[in-house]
PDB file of all heavy atoms in Angstrom:
ATOM      1  N   LEU A   1     141.993 130.520  69.906  1.00  0.00           N
ATOM      2  CA  LEU A   1     142.340 130.718  71.208  1.00  0.00           C
ATOM      3  C   LEU A   1     141.118 130.675  72.249  1.00  0.00           C
ATOM      4  O   LEU A   1     141.292 130.659  73.387  1.00  0.00           O
ATOM      5  CB  LEU A   1     143.029 132.076  71.371  1.00  0.00           C
ATOM      6  CG  LEU A   1     144.592 132.284  71.052  1.00  0.00           C
ATOM      7  CD1 LEU A   1     145.007 133.619  71.166  1.00  0.00           C
ATOM      8  CD2 LEU A   1     145.307 131.344  71.869  1.00  0.00           C
ATOM      9  N   ALA A   2     140.012 130.771  71.641  1.00  0.00           N
ATOM     10  CA  ALA A   2     138.847 130.783  72.469  1.00  0.00           C
ATOM     11  C   ALA A   2     138.585 129.513  73.333  1.00  0.00           C
ATOM     12  O   ALA A   2     139.005 128.433  72.876  1.00  0.00           O
ATOM     13  CB  ALA A   2     137.476 131.000  71.540  1.00  0.00           C
ATOM     14  N   GLU A   3     138.086 129.805  74.504  1.00  0.00           N
ATOM     15  CA  GLU A   3     138.006 128.658  75.423  1.00  0.00           C
ATOM     16  C   GLU A   3     136.626 128.834  76.101  1.00  0.00           C
ATOM     17  O   GLU A   3     136.457 129.613  76.996  1.00  0.00           O
ATOM     18  CB  GLU A   3     139.080 128.697  76.582  1.00  0.00           C
ATOM     19  CG  GLU A   3     140.492 128.512  76.072  1.00  0.00           C
ATOM     20  CD  GLU A   3     140.686 127.112  75.774  1.00  0.00           C
ATOM     21  OE1 GLU A   3     139.748 126.222  76.048  1.00  0.00           O
ATOM     22  OE2 GLU A   3     141.831 126.699  75.205  1.00  0.00           O
ATOM     23  N   PRO A   4     135.824 127.807  75.845  1.00  0.00           N
ATOM     24  CA  PRO A   4     134.431 127.863  76.502  1.00  0.00           C
ATOM     25  C   PRO A   4     134.429 127.663  78.034  1.00  0.00           C
ATOM     26  O   PRO A   4     133.470 127.953  78.653  1.00  0.00           O
ATOM     27  CB  PRO A   4     133.667 126.731  75.742  1.00  0.00           C
ATOM     28  CG  PRO A   4     134.659 126.033  75.164  1.00  0.00           C
ATOM     29  CD  PRO A   4     135.736 126.706  74.839  1.00  0.00           C
ATOM     30  N   ALA A   5     135.511 127.037  78.437  1.00  0.00           N
ATOM     31  CA  ALA A   5     135.576 126.713  79.914  1.00  0.00           C
ATOM     32  C   ALA A   5     135.924 128.086  80.794  1.00  0.00           C
ATOM     33  O   ALA A   5     135.944 127.918  82.018  1.00  0.00           O
ATOM     34  CB  ALA A   5     136.626 125.654  80.161  1.00  0.00           C
ATOM     35  N   ALA A   6     136.432 128.962  80.172  1.00  0.00           N
ATOM     36  CA  ALA A   6     136.771 130.260  80.907  1.00  0.00           C
ATOM     37  C   ALA A   6     135.600 130.699  81.778  1.00  0.00           C
ATOM     38  O   ALA A   6     134.447 130.629  81.472  1.00  0.00           O
ATOM     39  CB  ALA A   6     137.013 131.457  79.915  1.00  0.00           C
ATOM     40  N   GLN A   7     135.973 131.039  83.099  1.00  0.00           N
ATOM     41  CA  GLN A   7     134.926 131.349  84.034  1.00  0.00           C
ATOM     42  C   GLN A   7     134.484 132.726  84.194  1.00  0.00           C
ATOM     43  O   GLN A   7     133.522 133.065  84.811  1.00  0.00           O
ATOM     44  CB  GLN A   7     135.664 130.890  85.488  1.00  0.00           C
ATOM     45  CG  GLN A   7     136.007 129.444  85.437  1.00  0.00           C
ATOM     46  CD  GLN A   7     134.818 128.539  85.423  1.00  0.00           C
ATOM     47  OE1 GLN A   7     133.838 128.602  86.344  1.00  0.00           O
ATOM     48  NE2 GLN A   7     134.616 127.815  84.384  1.00  0.00           N
ATOM     49  N   SER A   8     135.257 133.712  83.619  1.00  0.00           N
ATOM     50  CA  SER A   8     134.950 135.118  83.690  1.00  0.00           C
ATOM     51  C   SER A   8     135.550 135.954  82.525  1.00  0.00           C
ATOM     52  O   SER A   8     136.581 135.512  81.977  1.00  0.00           O
ATOM     53  CB  SER A   8     135.252 135.749  84.967  1.00  0.00           C
ATOM     54  OG  SER A   8     136.687 135.830  85.109  1.00  0.00           O
ATOM     55  N   PRO A   9     135.013 137.114  82.124  1.00  0.00           N
ATOM     56  CA  PRO A   9     135.590 137.953  81.235  1.00  0.00           C
ATOM     57  C   PRO A   9     137.081 138.343  81.629  1.00  0.00           C
ATOM     58  O   PRO A   9     137.990 138.334  80.698  1.00  0.00           O
ATOM     59  CB  PRO A   9     134.746 139.231  81.140  1.00  0.00           C
ATOM     60  CG  PRO A   9     133.413 138.718  81.582  1.00  0.00           C
ATOM     61  CD  PRO A   9     133.697 137.663  82.556  1.00  0.00           C
ATOM     62  N   ALA A  10     137.351 138.593  82.826  1.00  0.00           N
ATOM     63  CA  ALA A  10     138.638 138.939  83.351  1.00  0.00           C
ATOM     64  C   ALA A  10     139.737 137.797  83.139  1.00  0.00           C
ATOM     65  O   ALA A  10     140.734 138.079  82.680  1.00  0.00           O
ATOM     66  CB  ALA A  10     138.608 139.265  84.761  1.00  0.00           C
ATOM     67  N   GLU A  11     139.248 136.448  83.419  1.00  0.00           N
ATOM     68  CA  GLU A  11     140.138 135.417  83.108  1.00  0.00           C
ATOM     69  C   GLU A  11     140.336 135.241  81.679  1.00  0.00           C
ATOM     70  O   GLU A  11     141.545 135.047  81.200  1.00  0.00           O
ATOM     71  CB  GLU A  11     139.458 134.215  83.636  1.00  0.00           C
ATOM     72  CG  GLU A  11     139.430 134.057  85.193  1.00  0.00           C
ATOM     73  CD  GLU A  11     138.723 132.778  85.654  1.00  0.00           C
ATOM     74  OE1 GLU A  11     138.771 131.820  84.980  1.00  0.00           O
ATOM     75  OE2 GLU A  11     138.227 132.751  86.764  1.00  0.00           O
ATOM     76  N   SER A  12     139.451 135.523  80.800  1.00  0.00           N
ATOM     77  CA  SER A  12     139.712 135.385  79.358  1.00  0.00           C
ATOM     78  C   SER A  12     140.759 136.533  78.926  1.00  0.00           C
ATOM     79  O   SER A  12     141.692 136.307  78.249  1.00  0.00           O
ATOM     80  CB  SER A  12     138.443 135.791  78.638  1.00  0.00           C
ATOM     81  OG  SER A  12     137.490 134.676  78.936  1.00  0.00           O
ATOM     82  N   GLN A  13     140.609 137.765  79.478  1.00  0.00           N
ATOM     83  CA  GLN A  13     141.481 138.824  79.139  1.00  0.00           C
ATOM     84  C   GLN A  13     142.936 138.504  79.747  1.00  0.00           C
ATOM     85  O   GLN A  13     143.990 138.708  78.987  1.00  0.00           O
ATOM     86  CB  GLN A  13     141.015 140.138  79.740  1.00  0.00           C
ATOM     87  CG  GLN A  13     139.774 140.579  79.117  1.00  0.00           C
ATOM     88  CD  GLN A  13     139.007 141.636  79.847  1.00  0.00           C
ATOM     89  OE1 GLN A  13     139.468 142.129  80.920  1.00  0.00           O
ATOM     90  NE2 GLN A  13     137.660 142.015  79.396  1.00  0.00           N
ATOM     91  N   LEU A  14     143.116 137.994  80.898  1.00  0.00           N
ATOM     92  CA  LEU A  14     144.372 137.571  81.412  1.00  0.00           C
ATOM     93  C   LEU A  14     144.982 136.578  80.662  1.00  0.00           C
ATOM     94  O   LEU A  14     146.108 136.687  80.268  1.00  0.00           O
ATOM     95  CB  LEU A  14     144.136 137.031  82.835  1.00  0.00           C
ATOM     96  CG  LEU A  14     145.323 136.422  83.540  1.00  0.00           C
ATOM     97  CD1 LEU A  14     146.535 137.419  83.742  1.00  0.00           C
ATOM     98  CD2 LEU A  14     145.079 135.907  84.945  1.00  0.00           C
ATOM     99  N   ARG A  15     144.258 135.511  80.142  1.00  0.00           N
ATOM    100  CA  ARG A  15     144.859 134.432  79.387  1.00  0.00           C
ATOM    101  C   ARG A  15     145.412 135.136  77.905  1.00  0.00           C
ATOM    102  O   ARG A  15     146.509 134.837  77.668  1.00  0.00           O
ATOM    103  CB  ARG A  15     143.669 133.521  78.961  1.00  0.00           C
ATOM    104  CG  ARG A  15     144.327 132.226  78.289  1.00  0.00           C
ATOM    105  CD  ARG A  15     143.062 131.316  78.007  1.00  0.00           C
ATOM    106  NE  ARG A  15     142.337 131.571  76.782  1.00  0.00           N
ATOM    107  CZ  ARG A  15     141.121 132.135  76.920  1.00  0.00           C
ATOM    108  NH1 ARG A  15     140.468 132.207  78.004  1.00  0.00           N
ATOM    109  NH2 ARG A  15     140.378 132.447  75.690  1.00  0.00           N
ATOM    110  N   ILE A  16     144.621 135.921  77.315  1.00  0.00           N
ATOM    111  CA  ILE A  16     145.019 136.377  76.038  1.00  0.00           C
ATOM    112  C   ILE A  16     146.236 137.385  76.134  1.00  0.00           C
ATOM    113  O   ILE A  16     147.154 137.360  75.308  1.00  0.00           O
ATOM    114  CB  ILE A  16     143.922 136.932  75.090  1.00  0.00           C
ATOM    115  CG1 ILE A  16     144.447 137.039  73.752  1.00  0.00           C
ATOM    116  CG2 ILE A  16     143.585 138.222  75.692  1.00  0.00           C
ATOM    117  CD1 ILE A  16     143.342 137.346  72.725  1.00  0.00           C
ATOM    118  N   ARG A  17     146.183 138.170  77.293  1.00  0.00           N
ATOM    119  CA  ARG A  17     147.270 139.054  77.544  1.00  0.00           C
ATOM    120  C   ARG A  17     148.600 138.315  77.793  1.00  0.00           C
ATOM    121  O   ARG A  17     149.638 138.783  77.376  1.00  0.00           O
ATOM    122  CB  ARG A  17     146.870 140.017  78.554  1.00  0.00           C
ATOM    123  CG  ARG A  17     145.885 141.079  78.234  1.00  0.00           C
ATOM    124  CD  ARG A  17     145.514 141.972  79.389  1.00  0.00           C
ATOM    125  NE  ARG A  17     146.651 142.867  79.453  1.00  0.00           N
ATOM    126  CZ  ARG A  17     146.641 143.813  80.424  1.00  0.00           C
ATOM    127  NH1 ARG A  17     145.713 143.941  81.365  1.00  0.00           N
ATOM    128  NH2 ARG A  17     147.693 144.677  80.526  1.00  0.00           N
ATOM    129  N   LEU A  18     148.541 137.178  78.485  1.00  0.00           N
ATOM    130  CA  LEU A  18     149.690 136.455  78.669  1.00  0.00           C
ATOM    131  C   LEU A  18     150.260 135.847  77.416  1.00  0.00           C
ATOM    132  O   LEU A  18     151.501 135.863  77.197  1.00  0.00           O
ATOM    133  CB  LEU A  18     149.441 135.251  79.833  1.00  0.00           C
ATOM    134  CG  LEU A  18     149.104 135.690  81.251  1.00  0.00           C
ATOM    135  CD1 LEU A  18     148.764 134.508  82.040  1.00  0.00           C
ATOM    136  CD2 LEU A  18     150.427 136.378  81.770  1.00  0.00           C
ATOM    137  N   VAL A  19     149.371 135.414  76.544  1.00  0.00           N
ATOM    138  CA  VAL A  19     149.845 134.863  75.206  1.00  0.00           C
ATOM    139  C   VAL A  19     150.391 135.983  74.371  1.00  0.00           C
ATOM    140  O   VAL A  19     151.477 135.781  73.760  1.00  0.00           O
ATOM    141  CB  VAL A  19     148.627 134.251  74.446  1.00  0.00           C
ATOM    142  CG1 VAL A  19     149.011 133.849  73.027  1.00  0.00           C
ATOM    143  CG2 VAL A  19     148.210 132.983  75.324  1.00  0.00           C
ATOM    144  N   LEU A  20     149.709 137.191  74.335  1.00  0.00           N
ATOM    145  CA  LEU A  20     150.241 138.291  73.616  1.00  0.00           C
ATOM    146  C   LEU A  20     151.567 138.766  74.178  1.00  0.00           C
ATOM    147  O   LEU A  20     152.420 139.378  73.386  1.00  0.00           O
ATOM    148  CB  LEU A  20     149.263 139.458  73.620  1.00  0.00           C
ATOM    149  CG  LEU A  20     148.048 139.241  72.785  1.00  0.00           C
ATOM    150  CD1 LEU A  20     147.034 140.333  73.121  1.00  0.00           C
ATOM    151  CD2 LEU A  20     148.285 139.269  71.337  1.00  0.00           C
ATOM    152  N   ALA A  21     151.908 138.439  75.366  1.00  0.00           N
ATOM    153  CA  ALA A  21     153.245 138.919  76.043  1.00  0.00           C
ATOM    154  C   ALA A  21     154.322 137.950  75.653  1.00  0.00           C
ATOM    155  O   ALA A  21     155.370 138.013  76.142  1.00  0.00           O
ATOM    156  CB  ALA A  21     153.048 138.957  77.551  1.00  0.00           C
ATOM    157  N   GLY A  22     153.900 136.766  74.995  1.00  0.00           N
ATOM    158  CA  GLY A  22     154.974 135.897  74.474  1.00  0.00           C
ATOM    159  C   GLY A  22     155.033 134.615  75.387  1.00  0.00           C
ATOM    160  O   GLY A  22     156.008 133.755  75.198  1.00  0.00           O
ATOM    161  N   LEU A  23     154.159 134.493  76.276  1.00  0.00           N
ATOM    162  CA  LEU A  23     154.230 133.207  77.193  1.00  0.00           C
ATOM    163  C   LEU A  23     153.323 132.151  76.520  1.00  0.00           C
ATOM    164  O   LEU A  23     152.430 132.295  75.671  1.00  0.00           O
ATOM    165  CB  LEU A  23     153.538 133.458  78.474  1.00  0.00           C
ATOM    166  CG  LEU A  23     154.327 134.610  79.349  1.00  0.00           C
ATOM    167  CD1 LEU A  23     153.670 134.823  80.680  1.00  0.00           C
ATOM    168  CD2 LEU A  23     155.734 134.026  79.599  1.00  0.00           C
ATOM    169  N   PRO A  24     153.802 130.763  76.757  1.00  0.00           N
ATOM    170  CA  PRO A  24     153.116 129.707  76.135  1.00  0.00           C
ATOM    171  C   PRO A  24     151.512 129.650  76.426  1.00  0.00           C
ATOM    172  O   PRO A  24     151.208 130.185  77.543  1.00  0.00           O
ATOM    173  CB  PRO A  24     153.728 128.500  76.618  1.00  0.00           C
ATOM    174  CG  PRO A  24     154.367 128.944  77.868  1.00  0.00           C
ATOM    175  CD  PRO A  24     154.741 130.340  77.736  1.00  0.00           C
ATOM    176  N   ARG A  25     150.729 129.183  75.635  1.00  0.00           N
ATOM    177  CA  ARG A  25     149.263 129.228  75.833  1.00  0.00           C
ATOM    178  C   ARG A  25     148.935 128.298  77.047  1.00  0.00           C
ATOM    179  O   ARG A  25     149.349 127.128  77.094  1.00  0.00           O
ATOM    180  CB  ARG A  25     148.600 128.668  74.546  1.00  0.00           C
ATOM    181  CG  ARG A  25     147.125 128.484  74.745  1.00  0.00           C
ATOM    182  CD  ARG A  25     146.500 128.164  73.402  1.00  0.00           C
ATOM    183  NE  ARG A  25     145.026 128.026  73.471  1.00  0.00           N
ATOM    184  CZ  ARG A  25     144.311 127.646  72.437  1.00  0.00           C
ATOM    185  NH1 ARG A  25     144.890 127.624  71.192  1.00  0.00           N
ATOM    186  NH2 ARG A  25     143.110 127.474  72.715  1.00  0.00           N
ATOM    187  N   PRO A  26     148.292 128.789  77.974  1.00  0.00           N
ATOM    188  CA  PRO A  26     147.814 127.944  79.236  1.00  0.00           C
ATOM    189  C   PRO A  26     146.643 127.206  78.873  1.00  0.00           C
ATOM    190  O   PRO A  26     145.868 127.410  77.930  1.00  0.00           O
ATOM    191  CB  PRO A  26     147.576 128.963  80.172  1.00  0.00           C
ATOM    192  CG  PRO A  26     147.043 130.181  79.466  1.00  0.00           C
ATOM    193  CD  PRO A  26     147.760 130.154  78.196  1.00  0.00           C
ATOM    194  N   VAL A  27     146.453 126.069  79.782  1.00  0.00           N
ATOM    195  CA  VAL A  27     145.221 125.272  79.542  1.00  0.00           C
ATOM    196  C   VAL A  27     144.213 125.819  80.597  1.00  0.00           C
ATOM    197  O   VAL A  27     144.639 126.188  81.682  1.00  0.00           O
ATOM    198  CB  VAL A  27     145.617 123.722  79.906  1.00  0.00           C
ATOM    199  CG1 VAL A  27     144.378 122.985  79.893  1.00  0.00           C
ATOM    200  CG2 VAL A  27     146.570 123.264  78.940  1.00  0.00           C
ATOM    201  N   VAL A  28     143.039 125.954  80.079  1.00  0.00           N
ATOM    202  CA  VAL A  28     141.936 126.456  81.026  1.00  0.00           C
ATOM    203  C   VAL A  28     141.255 125.258  81.793  1.00  0.00           C
ATOM    204  O   VAL A  28     140.829 124.325  81.170  1.00  0.00           O
ATOM    205  CB  VAL A  28     140.825 127.263  80.017  1.00  0.00           C
ATOM    206  CG1 VAL A  28     139.755 127.815  80.990  1.00  0.00           C
ATOM    207  CG2 VAL A  28     141.630 128.359  79.504  1.00  0.00           C
ATOM    208  N   GLN A  29     141.184 125.504  83.129  1.00  0.00           N
ATOM    209  CA  GLN A  29     140.448 124.506  83.957  1.00  0.00           C
ATOM    210  C   GLN A  29     141.010 123.092  83.778  1.00  0.00           C
ATOM    211  O   GLN A  29     140.254 122.111  83.741  1.00  0.00           O
ATOM    212  CB  GLN A  29     139.012 124.516  83.640  1.00  0.00           C
ATOM    213  CG  GLN A  29     138.253 125.907  83.882  1.00  0.00           C
ATOM    214  CD  GLN A  29     138.339 126.371  85.236  1.00  0.00           C
ATOM    215  OE1 GLN A  29     138.028 125.582  86.225  1.00  0.00           O
ATOM    216  NE2 GLN A  29     138.614 127.553  85.666  1.00  0.00           N
ATOM    217  N   HIS A  30     142.387 122.936  83.844  1.00  0.00           N
ATOM    218  CA  HIS A  30     142.998 121.762  83.753  1.00  0.00           C
ATOM    219  C   HIS A  30     142.751 120.905  84.973  1.00  0.00           C
ATOM    220  O   HIS A  30     142.890 121.444  86.019  1.00  0.00           O
ATOM    221  CB  HIS A  30     144.538 121.950  83.409  1.00  0.00           C
ATOM    222  CG  HIS A  30     145.287 120.656  83.554  1.00  0.00           C
ATOM    223  ND1 HIS A  30     145.163 119.758  82.388  1.00  0.00           N
ATOM    224  CD2 HIS A  30     146.263 120.114  84.405  1.00  0.00           C
ATOM    225  CE1 HIS A  30     145.907 118.714  82.703  1.00  0.00           C
ATOM    226  NE2 HIS A  30     146.618 118.948  83.795  1.00  0.00           N
ATOM    227  N   PRO A  31     142.237 119.675  84.740  1.00  0.00           N
ATOM    228  CA  PRO A  31     141.973 118.792  85.951  1.00  0.00           C
ATOM    229  C   PRO A  31     143.238 118.302  86.692  1.00  0.00           C
ATOM    230  O   PRO A  31     144.256 117.805  86.054  1.00  0.00           O
ATOM    231  CB  PRO A  31     141.323 117.636  85.401  1.00  0.00           C
ATOM    232  CG  PRO A  31     141.759 117.558  83.887  1.00  0.00           C
ATOM    233  CD  PRO A  31     141.960 118.950  83.495  1.00  0.00           C
TER     234      PRO A  31
END
């Protein structure tokens, strides 16, 4: 699940919390 493109610790936490809540994995910094 790790993403080197994450811009901040809070964004990282938001991403994994959404996944843990059952939502599909988002793409980080998608163009």
